[in-house]
Amino acid sequence: MIRLLLIIPTLVRGGAEKQLSLLAAGLPRDQFDVHVAVLTHTGPLEADLCQAGVPLAMIDKRWKLDPWAYWRLRKLIKSLRPDIVHTWLFAANAYGRQAAISAGVMHIVAGERCVDPWKGPIQLSIDRVLAKHTERIVTNSSGVQEFYVSRGLPAEKFTIIPNGIGPFQPRDSVTREHLLGELSLPANSRLIGAIGRLWPQKRLKDLIWAADLLKSARDDSHLLIIGDGPQRWRLARYRDQNQVADRVHLLGERDDVPRILPHLDCLWLASEYEGQSNAIMEAMAAGIPVVATDIAGNRDLVIPGETGYLVPVGDRAAFTRHTHELLNDAALARRLGDAGRARMLAEFSIERMIERHAQLYRELISSS
């Protein structure tokens, strides 16, 4: 039995958090004794882990530099005596790896889940120093690996394990007519979705501008922005200044995205950097064509002309052009959507993601 401790900053509805919860719940119980430590605060995914019977420890980190949280985490690790510690995202990679090193853990794995241009010399120095004591660095895309190798992390330590996505299963399915009624939209509305946290990285102003351009070409398009975050009030003001409040709808954080997804005609993602977008993967699993920026991470998912389209970062006209084409050609949209669904089922299943992690953990233990 391999005792595994997974460490992550929060349990909010983020991509890394979702993958960790799927992994922790899905690893074979006859082979792995899985524990999760949460550094800062919990979130909706705590319920999923509790339902799966995964033990949780809350470290209660309160400040960027919090020595008391570090000592609590180190104490937990020494008490659990895990065979493997696997940390996820920068705060956990920093605190968790150092605590695991100090506690004498033999096998340490780090998780880099996104291209992180926000990192400065201090953060990258921490990454490089701790990489010397890390057996493997797991990432979800070739683009993330390339980013970190270019900043001095050792290429030979990286293992790429793509995110896992399950077959699309709508909860509380609803007719399109009923959904449009809930949203107070006209019966002929064509729906474009943008799903994710409202951060500058997501470049949602580009999508509001693209929605304005699309409005000039047709009278039935509506952009649904699903998610919340610190930019919400700025985006609402920008939308209103551009006089597209009738076409751009800020729906906030929602728990019923699976009800909405099947009724989207297209998914947009305008990010300037990503690791591997769960929003894209979920849309493709639901058979929805995707128009997204041509960046590392998205290139691993979207095959231009086969499952959707990739456009240059900031090219609002390209979002408009490809989406107008999809809305005008039902056969094309269906073909791209069906190909996307098949790609997710074949290459990005949850089962494959879990088994790849399990195989990595077994290899580490067998090599000691």
Protein backbone atom coordinates (compact mmCIF):
# COMPACT_ATOMS: atom_id res chain seq x y z
CA MET A 1 0.00 0.00 0.00
CA ILE A 2 1.43 3.37 -1.08
CA ARG A 3 0.63 6.26 1.26
CA LEU A 4 0.22 9.42 -0.84
CA LEU A 5 -0.19 12.99 0.37
CA LEU A 6 -1.51 15.53 -2.14
CA ILE A 7 -1.03 19.21 -1.17
CA ILE A 8 -2.86 22.11 -2.85
CA PRO A 9 -3.58 25.75 -1.87
CA THR A 10 -7.42 25.65 -2.09
CA LEU A 11 -10.41 23.56 -3.14
CA VAL A 12 -12.13 26.20 -5.28
CA ARG A 13 -13.54 25.28 -8.69
CA GLY A 14 -10.28 25.57 -10.61
CA GLY A 15 -8.66 23.29 -13.14
CA ALA A 16 -5.89 21.95 -10.90
CA GLU A 17 -8.28 21.57 -7.97
CA LYS A 18 -10.72 19.57 -10.09
CA GLN A 19 -7.99 17.25 -11.37
CA LEU A 20 -6.67 16.67 -7.85
CA SER A 21 -10.13 15.80 -6.56
CA LEU A 22 -10.72 13.37 -9.44
CA LEU A 23 -7.32 11.76 -8.85
CA ALA A 24 -7.71 11.48 -5.07
CA ALA A 25 -11.16 9.94 -5.40
CA GLY A 26 -10.24 7.63 -8.28
CA LEU A 27 -6.93 6.02 -7.28
CA PRO A 28 -7.39 2.30 -6.45
CA ARG A 29 -8.04 2.00 -2.71
CA ASP A 30 -6.36 -1.41 -2.54
CA GLN A 31 -3.10 0.14 -3.74
CA PHE A 32 -3.12 3.74 -2.45
CA ASP A 33 -3.85 5.34 0.92
CA VAL A 34 -4.62 8.89 -0.24
CA HIS A 35 -4.65 12.01 1.95
CA VAL A 36 -5.15 15.67 0.94
CA ALA A 37 -3.78 18.76 2.68
CA VAL A 38 -5.27 22.18 1.85
CA LEU A 39 -3.00 25.14 2.57
CA THR A 40 -5.20 28.22 2.55
CA HIS A 41 -8.96 27.66 2.38
CA THR A 42 -11.51 25.12 1.31
CA GLY A 43 -14.12 25.37 -1.45
CA PRO A 44 -16.88 23.48 -3.24
CA LEU A 45 -14.63 20.53 -4.10
CA GLU A 46 -14.30 19.63 -0.42
CA ALA A 47 -17.71 17.97 -0.70
CA ASP A 48 -16.50 15.73 -3.54
CA LEU A 49 -13.49 14.57 -1.53
CA CYS A 50 -15.53 13.99 1.60
CA GLN A 51 -18.07 11.98 -0.37
CA ALA A 52 -15.22 9.84 -1.71
CA GLY A 53 -13.94 9.27 1.83
CA VAL A 54 -10.61 11.04 1.28
CA PRO A 55 -9.12 12.37 4.56
CA LEU A 56 -8.61 16.14 4.49
CA ALA A 57 -6.31 18.33 6.57
CA MET A 58 -6.72 22.13 6.64
CA ILE A 59 -3.43 23.95 7.27
CA ASP A 60 -4.96 27.46 7.54
CA LYS A 61 -2.20 29.45 5.85
CA ARG A 62 -3.10 33.13 6.37
CA TRP A 63 -0.26 35.16 4.90
CA LYS A 64 2.04 34.93 1.91
CA LEU A 65 4.89 34.23 4.33
CA ASP A 66 3.40 32.17 7.13
CA PRO A 67 5.95 30.19 9.19
CA TRP A 68 3.24 28.81 11.46
CA ALA A 69 1.48 27.24 8.49
CA TYR A 70 4.79 25.74 7.38
CA TRP A 71 5.33 24.14 10.79
CA ARG A 72 1.76 22.80 10.86
CA LEU A 73 2.27 21.26 7.45
CA ARG A 74 5.64 19.77 8.45
CA LYS A 75 4.04 18.30 11.57
CA LEU A 76 1.28 16.73 9.47
CA ILE A 77 3.81 15.19 7.08
CA LYS A 78 5.90 13.76 9.93
CA SER A 79 2.73 12.32 11.48
CA LEU A 80 1.41 10.74 8.25
CA ARG A 81 4.83 9.51 7.08
CA PRO A 82 3.74 9.39 3.41
CA ASP A 83 5.73 7.42 0.85
CA ILE A 84 5.10 10.17 -1.71
CA VAL A 85 4.24 13.87 -1.39
CA HIS A 86 2.77 15.42 -4.55
CA THR A 87 2.33 19.20 -4.42
CA TRP A 88 0.13 21.25 -6.80
CA LEU A 89 0.57 24.93 -7.75
CA PHE A 90 3.15 27.44 -6.54
CA ALA A 91 2.26 27.95 -2.87
CA ALA A 92 1.96 24.21 -2.29
CA ASN A 93 5.07 23.55 -4.36
CA ALA A 94 7.03 25.97 -2.16
CA TYR A 95 5.67 25.17 1.31
CA GLY A 96 4.91 21.52 0.62
CA ARG A 97 8.21 20.53 -0.94
CA GLN A 98 10.29 22.28 1.70
CA ALA A 99 8.23 20.70 4.48
CA ALA A 100 8.52 17.27 2.83
CA ILE A 101 12.29 17.66 2.47
CA SER A 102 12.58 18.68 6.11
CA ALA A 103 10.39 15.75 7.20
CA GLY A 104 12.56 13.26 5.32
CA VAL A 105 10.08 12.19 2.64
CA MET A 106 11.86 10.01 0.11
CA HIS A 107 9.73 10.70 -2.97
CA ILE A 108 8.65 14.26 -3.80
CA VAL A 109 6.62 15.20 -6.88
CA ALA A 110 5.71 18.76 -7.89
CA GLY A 111 2.85 19.88 -10.11
CA GLU A 112 3.20 22.77 -12.57
CA ARG A 113 -0.23 23.23 -14.13
CA CYS A 114 0.01 26.47 -16.07
CA VAL A 115 2.27 28.82 -17.98
CA ASP A 116 3.05 31.40 -15.27
CA PRO A 117 4.50 34.63 -16.71
CA TRP A 118 3.65 36.40 -13.45
CA LYS A 119 6.53 34.64 -11.72
CA GLY A 120 9.51 36.89 -11.07
CA PRO A 121 13.12 36.11 -10.16
CA ILE A 122 12.25 35.19 -6.56
CA GLN A 123 9.53 32.68 -7.48
CA LEU A 124 11.61 31.13 -10.26
CA SER A 125 14.61 30.86 -7.95
CA ILE A 126 12.45 28.97 -5.44
CA ASP A 127 11.30 26.66 -8.25
CA ARG A 128 14.87 26.00 -9.39
CA VAL A 129 16.25 25.34 -5.90
CA LEU A 130 13.43 22.98 -4.91
CA ALA A 131 13.60 21.17 -8.26
CA LYS A 132 16.99 19.80 -7.13
CA HIS A 133 15.16 17.86 -4.39
CA THR A 134 12.21 16.83 -6.59
CA GLU A 135 12.08 13.46 -8.35
CA ARG A 136 9.43 14.37 -10.91
CA ILE A 137 7.59 17.48 -12.05
CA VAL A 138 4.16 16.61 -13.42
CA THR A 139 2.50 18.93 -15.89
CA ASN A 140 -0.55 18.69 -18.10
CA SER A 141 0.78 20.02 -21.42
CA SER A 142 3.92 20.33 -23.50
CA GLY A 143 3.57 24.12 -23.43
CA VAL A 144 3.94 24.25 -19.64
CA GLN A 145 7.01 22.04 -19.82
CA GLU A 146 8.58 24.27 -22.49
CA PHE A 147 7.88 27.38 -20.40
CA TYR A 148 9.61 26.03 -17.30
CA VAL A 149 12.53 24.39 -19.08
CA SER A 150 13.23 27.75 -20.73
CA ARG A 151 13.46 29.22 -17.22
CA GLY A 152 15.99 26.76 -15.90
CA LEU A 153 14.05 23.74 -14.64
CA PRO A 154 15.51 20.35 -15.69
CA ALA A 155 13.72 18.88 -18.71
CA GLU A 156 14.50 15.30 -17.68
CA LYS A 157 12.39 15.61 -14.52
CA PHE A 158 9.15 16.49 -16.35
CA THR A 159 6.33 14.02 -16.93
CA ILE A 160 3.34 15.12 -19.01
CA ILE A 161 -0.02 13.74 -17.85
CA PRO A 162 -2.94 15.45 -19.64
CA ASN A 163 -6.03 16.44 -17.69
CA GLY A 164 -8.86 13.93 -17.53
CA ILE A 165 -12.41 14.58 -18.62
CA GLY A 166 -15.39 12.25 -18.31
CA PRO A 167 -18.16 11.60 -20.83
CA PHE A 168 -20.54 14.52 -20.81
CA GLN A 169 -23.46 13.82 -18.49
CA PRO A 170 -25.87 16.75 -18.12
CA ARG A 171 -27.44 17.18 -14.70
CA ASP A 172 -31.11 18.17 -14.54
CA SER A 173 -31.27 18.48 -18.31
CA VAL A 174 -33.43 21.31 -19.57
CA THR A 175 -34.85 22.18 -22.97
CA ARG A 176 -33.32 25.05 -24.91
CA GLU A 177 -36.66 26.85 -24.77
CA HIS A 178 -36.74 26.57 -20.98
CA LEU A 179 -33.13 27.75 -20.63
CA LEU A 180 -33.73 30.78 -22.84
CA GLY A 181 -36.77 31.58 -20.73
CA GLU A 182 -34.68 31.39 -17.54
CA LEU A 183 -32.15 33.77 -19.06
CA SER A 184 -34.85 36.08 -20.47
CA LEU A 185 -33.46 35.71 -23.99
CA PRO A 186 -35.36 35.61 -27.29
CA ALA A 187 -36.42 32.24 -28.67
CA ASN A 188 -34.09 32.54 -31.70
CA SER A 189 -30.96 33.25 -29.63
CA ARG A 190 -27.63 31.66 -30.58
CA LEU A 191 -25.50 31.12 -27.51
CA ILE A 192 -21.75 31.55 -27.15
CA GLY A 193 -20.16 30.59 -23.83
CA ALA A 194 -17.07 31.84 -21.99
CA ILE A 195 -16.42 29.89 -18.79
CA GLY A 196 -13.79 30.62 -16.16
CA ARG A 197 -12.54 32.91 -13.44
CA LEU A 198 -12.71 36.59 -14.30
CA TRP A 199 -8.97 37.32 -14.29
CA PRO A 200 -6.91 39.57 -16.60
CA GLN A 201 -5.24 36.44 -18.01
CA LYS A 202 -8.57 35.43 -19.58
CA ARG A 203 -8.76 38.63 -21.73
CA LEU A 204 -12.54 38.73 -21.50
CA LYS A 205 -12.59 42.30 -22.82
CA ASP A 206 -11.51 40.81 -26.15
CA LEU A 207 -14.60 38.62 -26.10
CA ILE A 208 -16.92 41.50 -25.24
CA TRP A 209 -15.43 43.41 -28.18
CA ALA A 210 -15.88 40.33 -30.41
CA ALA A 211 -19.50 40.06 -29.27
CA ASP A 212 -19.97 43.69 -30.31
CA LEU A 213 -18.52 42.92 -33.75
CA LEU A 214 -20.76 39.88 -34.06
CA LYS A 215 -23.76 42.01 -33.13
CA SER A 216 -23.12 44.14 -36.20
CA ALA A 217 -23.29 41.01 -38.39
CA ARG A 218 -26.33 39.28 -36.91
CA ASP A 219 -29.21 39.97 -34.56
CA ASP A 220 -29.36 36.66 -32.65
CA SER A 221 -25.96 36.16 -30.97
CA HIS A 222 -25.57 36.27 -27.18
CA LEU A 223 -22.37 35.84 -25.14
CA LEU A 224 -22.81 34.13 -21.76
CA ILE A 225 -19.88 34.80 -19.42
CA ILE A 226 -20.01 32.20 -16.65
CA GLY A 227 -17.75 32.68 -13.64
CA ASP A 228 -16.76 35.24 -11.06
CA GLY A 229 -13.65 37.07 -10.00
CA PRO A 230 -12.04 40.44 -9.30
CA GLN A 231 -12.61 41.78 -12.82
CA ARG A 232 -16.38 41.39 -12.80
CA TRP A 233 -17.24 45.04 -12.15
CA ARG A 234 -14.70 46.21 -14.75
CA LEU A 235 -16.15 43.87 -17.36
CA ALA A 236 -19.70 45.00 -16.56
CA ARG A 237 -18.64 48.64 -16.98
CA TYR A 238 -16.79 47.89 -20.21
CA ARG A 239 -19.81 46.04 -21.58
CA ASP A 240 -22.14 48.89 -20.71
CA GLN A 241 -19.80 51.51 -22.17
CA ASN A 242 -19.81 49.56 -25.42
CA GLN A 243 -23.61 49.35 -25.33
CA VAL A 244 -23.79 45.58 -25.64
CA ALA A 245 -25.60 44.77 -22.38
CA ASP A 246 -28.35 43.26 -24.54
CA ARG A 247 -25.84 40.76 -26.02
CA VAL A 248 -23.30 40.12 -23.23
CA HIS A 249 -24.61 38.50 -20.05
CA LEU A 250 -22.52 38.12 -16.88
CA LEU A 251 -24.08 35.08 -15.24
CA GLY A 252 -21.66 34.83 -12.30
CA GLU A 253 -20.57 31.61 -10.61
CA ARG A 254 -22.98 28.80 -11.39
CA ASP A 255 -23.29 25.18 -10.31
CA ASP A 256 -25.39 24.21 -13.32
CA VAL A 257 -22.89 24.58 -16.17
CA PRO A 258 -23.68 21.02 -17.37
CA ARG A 259 -27.28 22.18 -17.94
CA ILE A 260 -26.10 25.08 -20.07
CA LEU A 261 -23.30 23.44 -22.08
CA PRO A 262 -25.45 21.35 -24.48
CA HIS A 263 -27.28 24.48 -25.59
CA LEU A 264 -24.17 26.48 -26.50
CA ASP A 265 -23.48 26.92 -30.19
CA CYS A 266 -19.82 27.69 -29.56
CA LEU A 267 -17.31 28.08 -26.72
CA TRP A 268 -14.85 31.00 -26.65
CA LEU A 269 -11.58 31.17 -24.73
CA ALA A 270 -9.38 34.26 -25.21
CA SER A 271 -6.66 33.59 -22.61
CA GLU A 272 -3.15 34.85 -23.18
CA TYR A 273 -1.78 31.80 -21.34
CA GLU A 274 -3.19 28.56 -19.97
CA GLY A 275 -2.04 25.19 -18.75
CA GLN A 276 -4.76 22.95 -20.08
CA SER A 277 -8.23 24.45 -20.11
CA ASN A 278 -10.95 22.41 -18.42
CA ALA A 279 -13.52 24.72 -20.01
CA ILE A 280 -12.34 23.70 -23.48
CA MET A 281 -12.23 20.03 -22.52
CA GLU A 282 -15.73 20.08 -21.03
CA ALA A 283 -17.14 21.88 -24.07
CA MET A 284 -15.49 19.41 -26.44
CA ALA A 285 -16.79 16.48 -24.37
CA ALA A 286 -20.27 17.97 -24.77
CA GLY A 287 -19.83 18.18 -28.55
CA ILE A 288 -19.50 21.98 -28.68
CA PRO A 289 -17.11 23.52 -31.26
CA VAL A 290 -14.42 25.77 -29.80
CA VAL A 291 -12.79 29.02 -30.89
CA ALA A 292 -9.74 29.71 -28.71
CA THR A 293 -6.45 31.54 -28.72
CA ASP A 294 -3.45 29.93 -30.36
CA ILE A 295 -1.38 29.36 -27.21
CA ALA A 296 0.45 26.47 -25.57
CA GLY A 297 -2.09 24.22 -23.87
CA ASN A 298 -4.91 25.04 -26.27
CA ARG A 299 -2.84 23.58 -29.11
CA ASP A 300 -2.81 20.23 -27.30
CA LEU A 301 -6.64 20.19 -27.38
CA VAL A 302 -8.02 22.04 -30.39
CA ILE A 303 -7.14 20.78 -33.86
CA PRO A 304 -7.82 23.70 -36.23
CA GLY A 305 -10.51 22.86 -38.75
CA GLU A 306 -11.23 19.51 -37.08
CA THR A 307 -12.48 20.25 -33.54
CA GLY A 308 -12.59 24.06 -33.65
CA TYR A 309 -10.36 27.00 -34.50
CA LEU A 310 -7.29 28.68 -33.01
CA VAL A 311 -6.81 32.44 -33.43
CA PRO A 312 -4.00 34.85 -32.47
CA VAL A 313 -4.17 36.36 -28.98
CA GLY A 314 -6.12 39.62 -29.16
CA ASP A 315 -7.58 38.97 -32.64
CA ARG A 316 -11.20 39.84 -31.89
CA ALA A 317 -12.17 39.85 -35.55
CA ALA A 318 -11.02 36.23 -35.91
CA PHE A 319 -13.31 35.17 -33.04
CA THR A 320 -16.17 36.93 -34.82
CA ARG A 321 -15.35 35.51 -38.26
CA HIS A 322 -15.08 31.86 -37.22
CA THR A 323 -18.13 32.05 -34.96
CA HIS A 324 -20.25 33.67 -37.67
CA GLU A 325 -19.23 30.79 -39.95
CA LEU A 326 -20.21 28.19 -37.35
CA LEU A 327 -23.57 29.82 -36.66
CA ASN A 328 -24.33 29.90 -40.37
CA ASP A 329 -23.27 26.30 -41.10
CA ALA A 330 -24.99 23.74 -38.87
CA ALA A 331 -23.29 20.80 -40.61
CA LEU A 332 -19.83 22.29 -40.01
CA ALA A 333 -20.60 22.99 -36.33
CA ARG A 334 -21.90 19.45 -35.87
CA ARG A 335 -18.83 17.92 -37.54
CA LEU A 336 -16.40 19.89 -35.38
CA GLY A 337 -18.39 19.17 -32.23
CA ASP A 338 -18.58 15.43 -32.90
CA ALA A 339 -14.83 15.27 -33.61
CA GLY A 340 -14.09 17.13 -30.37
CA ARG A 341 -16.22 14.71 -28.35
CA ALA A 342 -14.48 11.72 -29.91
CA ARG A 343 -11.05 13.23 -29.19
CA MET A 344 -11.87 13.76 -25.52
CA LEU A 345 -13.17 10.21 -25.07
CA ALA A 346 -10.19 8.65 -26.85
CA GLU A 347 -7.26 10.65 -25.48
CA PHE A 348 -8.29 12.59 -22.37
CA SER A 349 -10.37 10.29 -20.19
CA ILE A 350 -10.33 10.49 -16.38
CA GLU A 351 -9.36 6.82 -16.27
CA ARG A 352 -6.24 7.42 -18.35
CA MET A 353 -5.27 10.43 -16.22
CA ILE A 354 -5.60 8.39 -13.01
CA GLU A 355 -3.73 5.38 -14.37
CA ARG A 356 -0.86 7.55 -15.61
CA HIS A 357 -0.48 9.03 -12.13
CA ALA A 358 -0.73 5.59 -10.52
CA GLN A 359 1.95 4.24 -12.84
CA LEU A 360 4.23 7.18 -12.01
CA TYR A 361 3.79 6.61 -8.27
CA ARG A 362 4.49 2.88 -8.66
CA GLU A 363 7.65 3.61 -10.64
CA LEU A 364 8.93 5.95 -7.95
CA ILE A 365 8.36 3.38 -5.20
CA SER A 366 9.89 0.52 -7.19
CA SER A 367 13.01 2.56 -7.91
CA SER A 368 13.79 3.12 -4.21
